Amino acid sequence: MKKTKILIIEDELELVSALTERLTIRGYDTHGVTNFTDGLKFIKESPDVVILDIGLPDMDGLEVLKKIKEINPSIQVIMLSGYGDDEKVSKSLSYGALDYLIKPVDIEELVSKIETAKLKKGGR
């Protein structure tokens, strides 16, 4: 069975490391980067799910979301933020994000969202 490919784009290196480790232990093929520039090469490899921070150093998370959807609309995106900004939440959902989680991230809630994303993408 093919592993679900996950890309984490998050500027906090400690969070990238922790999420990558926890998701890999759960059987996902996980890559983590700290900016959009590094993430772009992985996006072109068509991950199943992208976990995307709204606040990145090199590009606004909403702009990154739009770029991901331009490159491959079937990639499912789960947004992360350190705060609940209703305007950004609604914009991210209107731009095609599957869901939006507030940090600190509960790993079980994130895994549940990833499983929902897999079903939405086609059950891979």
N, C-alpha and C. Protein backbone atom coordinates (compact mmCIF):
# COMPACT_ATOMS: atom_id res chain seq x y z
N MET A 1 0.84 -1.19 0.00
CA MET A 1 0.00 0.00 0.00
C MET A 1 0.88 1.25 0.00
N LYS A 2 0.53 2.19 -0.85
CA LYS A 2 1.32 3.41 -0.98
C LYS A 2 1.13 4.32 0.23
N LYS A 3 2.25 4.83 0.75
CA LYS A 3 2.18 5.75 1.89
C LYS A 3 1.65 7.11 1.43
N THR A 4 0.89 7.74 2.28
CA THR A 4 0.41 9.09 2.02
C THR A 4 1.59 10.06 2.13
N LYS A 5 1.78 10.87 1.07
CA LYS A 5 2.87 11.84 1.05
C LYS A 5 2.40 13.16 1.64
N ILE A 6 3.13 13.61 2.66
CA ILE A 6 2.78 14.85 3.35
C ILE A 6 3.96 15.81 3.28
N LEU A 7 3.66 17.06 2.97
CA LEU A 7 4.65 18.14 3.00
C LEU A 7 4.23 19.13 4.07
N ILE A 8 5.14 19.43 4.98
CA ILE A 8 4.91 20.44 6.01
C ILE A 8 5.71 21.68 5.64
N ILE A 9 5.02 22.82 5.50
CA ILE A 9 5.69 24.11 5.26
C ILE A 9 5.36 24.99 6.45
N GLU A 10 6.34 25.17 7.32
CA GLU A 10 6.15 25.84 8.62
C GLU A 10 7.47 26.50 8.99
N ASP A 11 7.43 27.78 9.38
CA ASP A 11 8.68 28.50 9.65
C ASP A 11 9.32 28.16 10.99
N GLU A 12 8.61 27.53 11.90
CA GLU A 12 9.19 27.15 13.20
C GLU A 12 9.84 25.77 13.07
N LEU A 13 11.17 25.75 13.01
CA LEU A 13 11.91 24.51 12.78
C LEU A 13 11.57 23.43 13.80
N GLU A 14 11.41 23.81 15.07
CA GLU A 14 11.09 22.82 16.10
C GLU A 14 9.76 22.14 15.82
N LEU A 15 8.77 22.90 15.35
CA LEU A 15 7.46 22.34 15.03
C LEU A 15 7.55 21.44 13.80
N VAL A 16 8.31 21.87 12.80
CA VAL A 16 8.52 21.04 11.61
C VAL A 16 9.11 19.69 12.02
N SER A 17 10.15 19.72 12.85
CA SER A 17 10.80 18.48 13.29
C SER A 17 9.85 17.60 14.07
N ALA A 18 9.11 18.19 15.00
CA ALA A 18 8.19 17.41 15.84
C ALA A 18 7.08 16.78 15.00
N LEU A 19 6.46 17.57 14.12
CA LEU A 19 5.38 17.03 13.29
C LEU A 19 5.90 15.97 12.32
N THR A 20 7.06 16.22 11.72
CA THR A 20 7.63 15.24 10.80
C THR A 20 7.87 13.92 11.51
N GLU A 21 8.46 13.98 12.69
CA GLU A 21 8.73 12.76 13.45
C GLU A 21 7.43 12.04 13.82
N ARG A 22 6.46 12.76 14.34
CA ARG A 22 5.22 12.13 14.80
C ARG A 22 4.41 11.55 13.65
N LEU A 23 4.40 12.23 12.51
CA LEU A 23 3.65 11.71 11.36
C LEU A 23 4.37 10.54 10.71
N THR A 24 5.70 10.57 10.67
CA THR A 24 6.47 9.45 10.13
C THR A 24 6.25 8.20 10.96
N ILE A 25 6.24 8.35 12.29
CA ILE A 25 5.98 7.22 13.18
C ILE A 25 4.62 6.60 12.88
N ARG A 26 3.65 7.43 12.47
CA ARG A 26 2.31 6.95 12.16
C ARG A 26 2.19 6.40 10.74
N GLY A 27 3.31 6.31 10.03
CA GLY A 27 3.30 5.65 8.73
C GLY A 27 3.17 6.55 7.52
N TYR A 28 3.24 7.86 7.71
CA TYR A 28 3.16 8.78 6.57
C TYR A 28 4.56 9.06 6.02
N ASP A 29 4.63 9.29 4.71
CA ASP A 29 5.87 9.71 4.05
C ASP A 29 5.93 11.24 4.17
N THR A 30 6.68 11.74 5.14
CA THR A 30 6.61 13.15 5.53
C THR A 30 7.92 13.89 5.25
N HIS A 31 7.77 15.08 4.64
CA HIS A 31 8.90 15.98 4.41
C HIS A 31 8.54 17.32 5.04
N GLY A 32 9.51 17.98 5.66
CA GLY A 32 9.27 19.28 6.27
C GLY A 32 10.27 20.31 5.81
N VAL A 33 9.76 21.52 5.54
CA VAL A 33 10.61 22.64 5.14
C VAL A 33 10.16 23.88 5.90
N THR A 34 11.01 24.90 5.94
CA THR A 34 10.69 26.09 6.72
C THR A 34 10.32 27.32 5.87
N ASN A 35 10.22 27.15 4.55
CA ASN A 35 9.81 28.27 3.70
C ASN A 35 9.24 27.75 2.38
N PHE A 36 8.54 28.64 1.67
CA PHE A 36 7.89 28.25 0.42
C PHE A 36 8.91 27.88 -0.66
N THR A 37 10.01 28.61 -0.72
CA THR A 37 11.01 28.35 -1.75
C THR A 37 11.48 26.90 -1.70
N ASP A 38 11.79 26.40 -0.50
CA ASP A 38 12.19 25.00 -0.36
C ASP A 38 11.02 24.05 -0.60
N GLY A 39 9.82 24.48 -0.23
CA GLY A 39 8.64 23.63 -0.39
C GLY A 39 8.23 23.45 -1.83
N LEU A 40 8.55 24.41 -2.69
CA LEU A 40 8.10 24.37 -4.08
C LEU A 40 8.53 23.11 -4.80
N LYS A 41 9.78 22.66 -4.58
CA LYS A 41 10.24 21.46 -5.28
C LYS A 41 9.46 20.22 -4.84
N PHE A 42 9.04 20.18 -3.57
CA PHE A 42 8.23 19.06 -3.10
C PHE A 42 6.80 19.16 -3.60
N ILE A 43 6.27 20.37 -3.73
CA ILE A 43 4.92 20.55 -4.26
C ILE A 43 4.85 20.01 -5.68
N LYS A 44 5.91 20.21 -6.45
CA LYS A 44 5.94 19.71 -7.83
C LYS A 44 5.96 18.19 -7.89
N GLU A 45 6.30 17.53 -6.76
CA GLU A 45 6.26 16.06 -6.69
C GLU A 45 4.88 15.56 -6.26
N SER A 46 3.91 16.46 -6.18
CA SER A 46 2.52 16.15 -5.87
C SER A 46 2.30 15.39 -4.57
N PRO A 47 2.56 16.03 -3.44
CA PRO A 47 2.20 15.39 -2.18
C PRO A 47 0.68 15.24 -2.10
N ASP A 48 0.21 14.32 -1.28
CA ASP A 48 -1.23 14.16 -1.10
C ASP A 48 -1.79 15.29 -0.24
N VAL A 49 -1.02 15.67 0.78
CA VAL A 49 -1.47 16.68 1.75
C VAL A 49 -0.32 17.64 2.03
N VAL A 50 -0.64 18.94 2.09
CA VAL A 50 0.32 19.95 2.53
C VAL A 50 -0.22 20.56 3.82
N ILE A 51 0.62 20.58 4.84
CA ILE A 51 0.30 21.26 6.10
C ILE A 51 1.05 22.59 6.03
N LEU A 52 0.31 23.68 5.96
CA LEU A 52 0.87 24.98 5.59
C LEU A 52 0.63 26.04 6.66
N ASP A 53 1.71 26.65 7.13
CA ASP A 53 1.61 27.76 8.08
C ASP A 53 1.15 29.01 7.34
N ILE A 54 0.26 29.76 7.95
CA ILE A 54 -0.25 30.98 7.34
C ILE A 54 0.82 32.08 7.28
N GLY A 55 1.79 32.03 8.22
CA GLY A 55 2.82 33.07 8.28
C GLY A 55 4.20 32.53 7.96
N LEU A 56 4.63 32.70 6.72
CA LEU A 56 5.95 32.22 6.30
C LEU A 56 6.88 33.41 6.06
N PRO A 57 8.19 33.19 6.16
CA PRO A 57 9.13 34.31 6.01
C PRO A 57 9.24 34.84 4.58
N ASP A 58 9.03 33.97 3.58
CA ASP A 58 9.28 34.40 2.20
C ASP A 58 8.02 34.62 1.37
N MET A 59 6.85 34.25 1.88
CA MET A 59 5.61 34.48 1.15
C MET A 59 4.43 34.27 2.10
N ASP A 60 3.40 35.08 1.95
CA ASP A 60 2.19 34.93 2.77
C ASP A 60 1.56 33.56 2.53
N GLY A 61 1.11 32.92 3.60
CA GLY A 61 0.54 31.58 3.50
C GLY A 61 -0.65 31.50 2.56
N LEU A 62 -1.47 32.55 2.49
CA LEU A 62 -2.61 32.54 1.57
C LEU A 62 -2.13 32.55 0.12
N GLU A 63 -1.05 33.28 -0.16
CA GLU A 63 -0.49 33.28 -1.51
C GLU A 63 0.10 31.91 -1.85
N VAL A 64 0.74 31.29 -0.87
CA VAL A 64 1.28 29.94 -1.08
C VAL A 64 0.14 28.97 -1.39
N LEU A 65 -0.95 29.07 -0.64
CA LEU A 65 -2.11 28.22 -0.88
C LEU A 65 -2.61 28.38 -2.32
N LYS A 66 -2.73 29.61 -2.79
CA LYS A 66 -3.17 29.84 -4.17
C LYS A 66 -2.20 29.21 -5.17
N LYS A 67 -0.89 29.35 -4.92
CA LYS A 67 0.12 28.76 -5.82
C LYS A 67 -0.01 27.24 -5.85
N ILE A 68 -0.17 26.63 -4.67
CA ILE A 68 -0.31 25.17 -4.60
C ILE A 68 -1.50 24.74 -5.45
N LYS A 69 -2.63 25.42 -5.31
CA LYS A 69 -3.84 25.06 -6.04
C LYS A 69 -3.69 25.30 -7.54
N GLU A 70 -2.87 26.29 -7.92
CA GLU A 70 -2.58 26.51 -9.35
C GLU A 70 -1.75 25.36 -9.90
N ILE A 71 -0.76 24.92 -9.14
CA ILE A 71 0.13 23.85 -9.57
C ILE A 71 -0.61 22.52 -9.65
N ASN A 72 -1.39 22.21 -8.61
CA ASN A 72 -2.12 20.94 -8.58
C ASN A 72 -3.34 21.10 -7.67
N PRO A 73 -4.52 21.32 -8.26
CA PRO A 73 -5.73 21.54 -7.45
C PRO A 73 -6.13 20.36 -6.58
N SER A 74 -5.63 19.16 -6.88
CA SER A 74 -6.04 17.99 -6.08
C SER A 74 -5.26 17.85 -4.77
N ILE A 75 -4.17 18.61 -4.61
CA ILE A 75 -3.43 18.58 -3.34
C ILE A 75 -4.32 19.17 -2.24
N GLN A 76 -4.48 18.42 -1.16
CA GLN A 76 -5.28 18.88 -0.03
C GLN A 76 -4.39 19.68 0.92
N VAL A 77 -4.87 20.83 1.36
CA VAL A 77 -4.06 21.73 2.19
C VAL A 77 -4.76 21.96 3.53
N ILE A 78 -4.01 21.75 4.61
CA ILE A 78 -4.47 22.04 5.96
C ILE A 78 -3.64 23.23 6.46
N MET A 79 -4.31 24.33 6.77
CA MET A 79 -3.62 25.54 7.21
C MET A 79 -3.35 25.50 8.71
N LEU A 80 -2.23 26.10 9.12
CA LEU A 80 -1.88 26.26 10.54
C LEU A 80 -1.68 27.74 10.84
N SER A 81 -2.04 28.13 12.06
CA SER A 81 -1.78 29.50 12.49
C SER A 81 -1.60 29.54 13.99
N GLY A 82 -0.83 30.51 14.44
CA GLY A 82 -0.63 30.71 15.87
C GLY A 82 -1.79 31.43 16.52
N TYR A 83 -2.72 31.93 15.72
CA TYR A 83 -3.88 32.65 16.24
C TYR A 83 -5.06 32.45 15.30
N GLY A 84 -6.26 32.59 15.83
CA GLY A 84 -7.47 32.39 15.03
C GLY A 84 -7.97 33.69 14.44
N ASP A 85 -7.52 34.02 13.26
CA ASP A 85 -7.95 35.22 12.54
C ASP A 85 -9.10 34.81 11.62
N ASP A 86 -10.33 35.20 11.98
CA ASP A 86 -11.51 34.77 11.23
C ASP A 86 -11.43 35.12 9.75
N GLU A 87 -10.88 36.28 9.43
CA GLU A 87 -10.78 36.68 8.03
C GLU A 87 -9.84 35.75 7.26
N LYS A 88 -8.69 35.44 7.86
CA LYS A 88 -7.74 34.54 7.18
C LYS A 88 -8.29 33.12 7.10
N VAL A 89 -9.02 32.69 8.13
CA VAL A 89 -9.64 31.36 8.09
C VAL A 89 -10.60 31.29 6.92
N SER A 90 -11.50 32.26 6.82
CA SER A 90 -12.49 32.22 5.74
C SER A 90 -11.84 32.37 4.37
N LYS A 91 -10.81 33.21 4.26
CA LYS A 91 -10.10 33.34 2.98
C LYS A 91 -9.42 32.03 2.60
N SER A 92 -8.75 31.40 3.57
CA SER A 92 -8.05 30.15 3.24
C SER A 92 -9.03 29.08 2.78
N LEU A 93 -10.19 29.01 3.41
CA LEU A 93 -11.19 28.02 3.00
C LEU A 93 -11.74 28.37 1.61
N SER A 94 -11.94 29.65 1.33
CA SER A 94 -12.45 30.04 0.01
C SER A 94 -11.40 29.83 -1.08
N TYR A 95 -10.11 29.84 -0.72
CA TYR A 95 -9.05 29.57 -1.69
C TYR A 95 -8.79 28.08 -1.87
N GLY A 96 -9.52 27.24 -1.15
CA GLY A 96 -9.41 25.81 -1.38
C GLY A 96 -8.77 24.99 -0.28
N ALA A 97 -8.45 25.60 0.87
CA ALA A 97 -7.91 24.81 1.98
C ALA A 97 -8.99 23.86 2.49
N LEU A 98 -8.57 22.69 2.91
CA LEU A 98 -9.50 21.71 3.47
C LEU A 98 -9.94 22.13 4.87
N ASP A 99 -8.99 22.61 5.67
CA ASP A 99 -9.29 22.97 7.05
C ASP A 99 -8.22 23.89 7.59
N TYR A 100 -8.41 24.33 8.82
CA TYR A 100 -7.55 25.33 9.46
C TYR A 100 -7.40 24.94 10.92
N LEU A 101 -6.17 24.77 11.39
CA LEU A 101 -5.91 24.42 12.78
C LEU A 101 -5.08 25.51 13.46
N ILE A 102 -5.36 25.71 14.75
CA ILE A 102 -4.63 26.69 15.54
C ILE A 102 -3.52 25.98 16.32
N LYS A 103 -2.31 26.57 16.31
CA LYS A 103 -1.19 26.02 17.09
C LYS A 103 -1.39 26.37 18.56
N PRO A 104 -0.94 25.55 19.48
CA PRO A 104 -0.24 24.29 19.25
C PRO A 104 -1.17 23.23 18.69
N VAL A 105 -0.63 22.42 17.79
CA VAL A 105 -1.41 21.43 17.06
C VAL A 105 -1.54 20.15 17.89
N ASP A 106 -2.77 19.67 18.02
CA ASP A 106 -3.01 18.37 18.63
C ASP A 106 -2.77 17.32 17.55
N ILE A 107 -1.82 16.42 17.77
CA ILE A 107 -1.42 15.47 16.73
C ILE A 107 -2.57 14.57 16.31
N GLU A 108 -3.42 14.16 17.24
CA GLU A 108 -4.55 13.30 16.88
C GLU A 108 -5.56 14.05 16.01
N GLU A 109 -5.78 15.31 16.31
CA GLU A 109 -6.67 16.12 15.47
C GLU A 109 -6.08 16.29 14.08
N LEU A 110 -4.77 16.52 14.01
CA LEU A 110 -4.11 16.66 12.72
C LEU A 110 -4.20 15.36 11.91
N VAL A 111 -3.96 14.23 12.55
CA VAL A 111 -4.07 12.93 11.86
C VAL A 111 -5.49 12.74 11.33
N SER A 112 -6.48 13.11 12.12
CA SER A 112 -7.87 13.01 11.67
C SER A 112 -8.11 13.86 10.42
N LYS A 113 -7.56 15.07 10.40
CA LYS A 113 -7.69 15.95 9.22
C LYS A 113 -6.96 15.35 8.02
N ILE A 114 -5.80 14.74 8.24
CA ILE A 114 -5.06 14.10 7.15
C ILE A 114 -5.87 12.95 6.57
N GLU A 115 -6.49 12.15 7.43
CA GLU A 115 -7.31 11.04 6.94
C GLU A 115 -8.51 11.55 6.15
N THR A 116 -9.11 12.66 6.59
CA THR A 116 -10.20 13.29 5.83
C THR A 116 -9.69 13.76 4.47
N ALA A 117 -8.50 14.34 4.46
CA ALA A 117 -7.90 14.81 3.21
C ALA A 117 -7.65 13.65 2.25
N LYS A 118 -7.19 12.51 2.78
CA LYS A 118 -6.96 11.33 1.93
C LYS A 118 -8.26 10.89 1.27
N LEU A 119 -9.33 10.85 2.04
CA LEU A 119 -10.63 10.45 1.49
C LEU A 119 -11.10 11.43 0.43
N LYS A 120 -10.91 12.70 0.69
CA LYS A 120 -11.33 13.73 -0.27
C LYS A 120 -10.51 13.63 -1.56
N LYS A 121 -9.24 13.29 -1.42
CA LYS A 121 -8.37 13.19 -2.60
C LYS A 121 -8.65 11.93 -3.41
N GLY A 122 -9.17 10.90 -2.75
CA GLY A 122 -9.47 9.68 -3.48
C GLY A 122 -9.05 8.42 -2.77
N GLY A 123 -8.80 8.51 -1.48
CA GLY A 123 -8.54 7.33 -0.68
C GLY A 123 -7.18 6.70 -0.82
N ARG A 124 -6.21 7.42 -1.41
CA ARG A 124 -4.88 6.84 -1.57
C ARG A 124 -4.18 6.64 -0.26
